[in-house]
Structure formats: C-alpha cells, structure tokens
C-alpha atoms as a PDB file:
ATOM      1  CA  MET A   1     -17.328  21.414 -24.167  1.00  0.00           C
ATOM      2  CA  ILE A   2     -13.836  20.082 -23.462  1.00  0.00           C
ATOM      3  CA  GLY A   3     -15.067  18.942 -20.062  1.00  0.00           C
ATOM      4  CA  TYR A   4     -17.613  16.622 -21.665  1.00  0.00           C
ATOM      5  CA  ALA A   5     -15.028  15.231 -24.055  1.00  0.00           C
ATOM      6  CA  LEU A   6     -12.595  14.590 -21.207  1.00  0.00           C
ATOM      7  CA  ALA A   7     -15.292  12.902 -19.108  1.00  0.00           C
ATOM      8  CA  PHE A   8     -16.216  10.668 -22.047  1.00  0.00           C
ATOM      9  CA  ALA A   9     -12.562   9.816 -22.669  1.00  0.00           C
ATOM     10  CA  TYR A  10     -12.020   9.013 -18.968  1.00  0.00           C
ATOM     11  CA  GLY A  11     -14.999   6.673 -19.094  1.00  0.00           C
ATOM     12  CA  CYS A  12     -13.860   4.959 -22.295  1.00  0.00           C
ATOM     13  CA  PHE A  13     -10.322   4.377 -21.068  1.00  0.00           C
ATOM     14  CA  GLY A  14     -11.616   3.250 -17.685  1.00  0.00           C
ATOM     15  CA  VAL A  15     -13.797   0.598 -19.330  1.00  0.00           C
ATOM     16  CA  ALA A  16     -10.894  -0.432 -21.560  1.00  0.00           C
ATOM     17  CA  MET A  17      -8.645  -0.847 -18.516  1.00  0.00           C
ATOM     18  CA  LEU A  18     -11.271  -2.983 -16.792  1.00  0.00           C
ATOM     19  CA  CYS A  19     -11.522  -5.207 -19.878  1.00  0.00           C
ATOM     20  CA  CYS A  20      -7.735  -5.571 -19.976  1.00  0.00           C
ATOM     21  CA  LEU A  21      -7.634  -6.347 -16.271  1.00  0.00           C
ATOM     22  CA  TYR A  22     -10.224  -9.071 -16.804  1.00  0.00           C
ATOM     23  CA  ARG A  23      -8.075 -10.559 -19.582  1.00  0.00           C
ATOM     24  CA  VAL A  24      -4.994 -10.444 -17.351  1.00  0.00           C
ATOM     25  CA  LEU A  25      -6.795 -12.302 -14.584  1.00  0.00           C
ATOM     26  CA  ARG A  26      -8.738 -14.782 -16.739  1.00  0.00           C
ATOM     27  CA  GLY A  27      -6.544 -15.108 -19.825  1.00  0.00           C
ATOM     28  CA  PRO A  28      -6.600 -18.558 -21.403  1.00  0.00           C
ATOM     29  CA  ALA A  29      -2.888 -18.465 -22.250  1.00  0.00           C
ATOM     30  CA  ILE A  30       0.217 -16.617 -21.125  1.00  0.00           C
ATOM     31  CA  GLY A  31       0.455 -14.774 -24.442  1.00  0.00           C
ATOM     32  CA  ASP A  32      -2.988 -13.273 -23.917  1.00  0.00           C
ATOM     33  CA  ARG A  33      -1.922 -12.024 -20.520  1.00  0.00           C
ATOM     34  CA  VAL A  34       1.240 -10.402 -21.890  1.00  0.00           C
ATOM     35  CA  ILE A  35      -0.737  -8.578 -24.579  1.00  0.00           C
ATOM     36  CA  ALA A  36      -3.350  -7.515 -22.018  1.00  0.00           C
ATOM     37  CA  LEU A  37      -0.635  -6.091 -19.743  1.00  0.00           C
ATOM     38  CA  ASP A  38       0.858  -4.184 -22.657  1.00  0.00           C
ATOM     39  CA  THR A  39      -2.559  -2.800 -23.588  1.00  0.00           C
ATOM     40  CA  LEU A  40      -3.171  -1.906 -19.948  1.00  0.00           C
ATOM     41  CA  THR A  41       0.064   0.086 -20.012  1.00  0.00           C
ATOM     42  CA  VAL A  42      -1.022   1.947 -23.147  1.00  0.00           C
ATOM     43  CA  ASN A  43      -4.374   2.776 -21.544  1.00  0.00           C
ATOM     44  CA  ALA A  44      -2.625   4.050 -18.405  1.00  0.00           C
ATOM     45  CA  ILE A  45      -0.415   6.275 -20.566  1.00  0.00           C
ATOM     46  CA  ALA A  46      -3.524   7.657 -22.260  1.00  0.00           C
ATOM     47  CA  LEU A  47      -5.110   8.359 -18.879  1.00  0.00           C
ATOM     48  CA  LEU A  48      -1.987  10.207 -17.750  1.00  0.00           C
ATOM     49  CA  ALA A  49      -2.104  12.319 -20.913  1.00  0.00           C
ATOM     50  CA  LEU A  50      -5.789  13.060 -20.380  1.00  0.00           C
ATOM     51  CA  PHE A  51      -5.125  14.038 -16.780  1.00  0.00           C
ATOM     52  CA  GLY A  52      -2.373  16.380 -17.997  1.00  0.00           C
ATOM     53  CA  ILE A  53      -4.789  17.999 -20.420  1.00  0.00           C
ATOM     54  CA  ASP A  54      -7.420  18.280 -17.698  1.00  0.00           C
ATOM     55  CA  ARG A  55      -5.069  19.876 -15.172  1.00  0.00           C
ATOM     56  CA  GLY A  56      -3.210  22.012 -17.711  1.00  0.00           C
ATOM     57  CA  THR A  57       0.283  21.018 -16.628  1.00  0.00           C
ATOM     58  CA  GLY A  58       3.106  19.285 -18.445  1.00  0.00           C
ATOM     59  CA  ILE A  59       4.399  17.088 -15.633  1.00  0.00           C
ATOM     60  CA  TYR A  60       1.889  14.350 -16.443  1.00  0.00           C
ATOM     61  CA  PHE A  61       3.180  14.137 -20.007  1.00  0.00           C
ATOM     62  CA  GLU A  62       6.678  13.511 -18.697  1.00  0.00           C
ATOM     63  CA  ALA A  63       5.301  10.857 -16.360  1.00  0.00           C
ATOM     64  CA  ALA A  64       3.505   9.264 -19.320  1.00  0.00           C
ATOM     65  CA  LEU A  65       6.778   9.181 -21.267  1.00  0.00           C
ATOM     66  CA  LEU A  66       8.599   7.484 -18.389  1.00  0.00           C
ATOM     67  CA  PHE A  67       5.751   5.021 -17.972  1.00  0.00           C
ATOM     68  CA  ALA A  68       5.884   4.243 -21.710  1.00  0.00           C
ATOM     69  CA  MET A  69       9.606   3.481 -21.569  1.00  0.00           C
ATOM     70  CA  LEU A  70       9.193   1.292 -18.513  1.00  0.00           C
ATOM     71  CA  GLY A  71       6.213  -0.496 -20.067  1.00  0.00           C
ATOM     72  CA  PHE A  72       8.104  -1.220 -23.283  1.00  0.00           C
ATOM     73  CA  VAL A  73      11.137  -2.639 -21.493  1.00  0.00           C
ATOM     74  CA  SER A  74       9.028  -4.757 -19.155  1.00  0.00           C
ATOM     75  CA  THR A  75       6.941  -6.149 -22.026  1.00  0.00           C
ATOM     76  CA  VAL A  76      10.040  -7.111 -23.985  1.00  0.00           C
ATOM     77  CA  ALA A  77      11.636  -8.715 -20.925  1.00  0.00           C
ATOM     78  CA  TYR A  78       8.483 -10.638 -20.055  1.00  0.00           C
ATOM     79  CA  ALA A  79       8.029 -11.859 -23.632  1.00  0.00           C
ATOM     80  CA  LYS A  80      11.654 -12.994 -23.730  1.00  0.00           C
ATOM     81  CA  PHE A  81      11.170 -14.824 -20.441  1.00  0.00           C
ATOM     82  CA  VAL A  82       8.073 -16.578 -21.772  1.00  0.00           C
ATOM     83  CA  LEU A  83       9.835 -17.635 -24.982  1.00  0.00           C
ATOM     84  CA  ARG A  84      13.234 -18.674 -23.649  1.00  0.00           C
ATOM     85  CA  GLY A  85      12.866 -19.213 -19.915  1.00  0.00           C
ATOM     86  CA  ASP A  86      15.516 -16.661 -18.872  1.00  0.00           C
ATOM     87  CA  ILE A  87      15.998 -12.967 -19.474  1.00  0.00           C
ATOM     88  CA  ILE A  88      19.762 -12.617 -19.363  1.00  0.00           C
ATOM     89  CA  GLU A  89      21.726 -14.946 -21.590  1.00  0.00           C
END
C-alpha cells in the first residue's frame, strides 16, 4: 500500500515541478520567476524526503536539510538583488 502512495506522491511532485519549471521559463515578471524557483526548491526537498522514505535510509533527509538551507539563502540573496541591484552593501 505504501508503494502506491509513494508512486502517487512522486507523480504529484513531478507534475508540480514541471509547472514550476514552466513558470520559471515563461514567467511574466521577475518576481514570478523568483517565487517559482523557491517553489521548485520546496518540491525538490519533498522529492528527496520521499526518496528517503522509499529507500529506507536517513542520508536523503540530511541532503534535503542541506538543500533547504541552500535554497533559503539563495532565494533571499536573489530577492535582495532584484530589489536593490546588489547583494553586498
């Protein structure tokens, strides 16, 4: 039963990542692209967690945590660059 749930979750997050990728490529404004990249990061973290559940190992959860920290910092830096024009003041 867990196999069906994992397959469904893989499919849902895969479709969500494709939708976010479309918004990154065809976004009408830069703000839409930043939000789409952030959402793409969240979906990738969810896929890493699902893969960890599927494989039964904890290393993927640690990778998801590192990816979350990197995604947060990059989103903040990119948003600051869009608003002010430079990252380091």
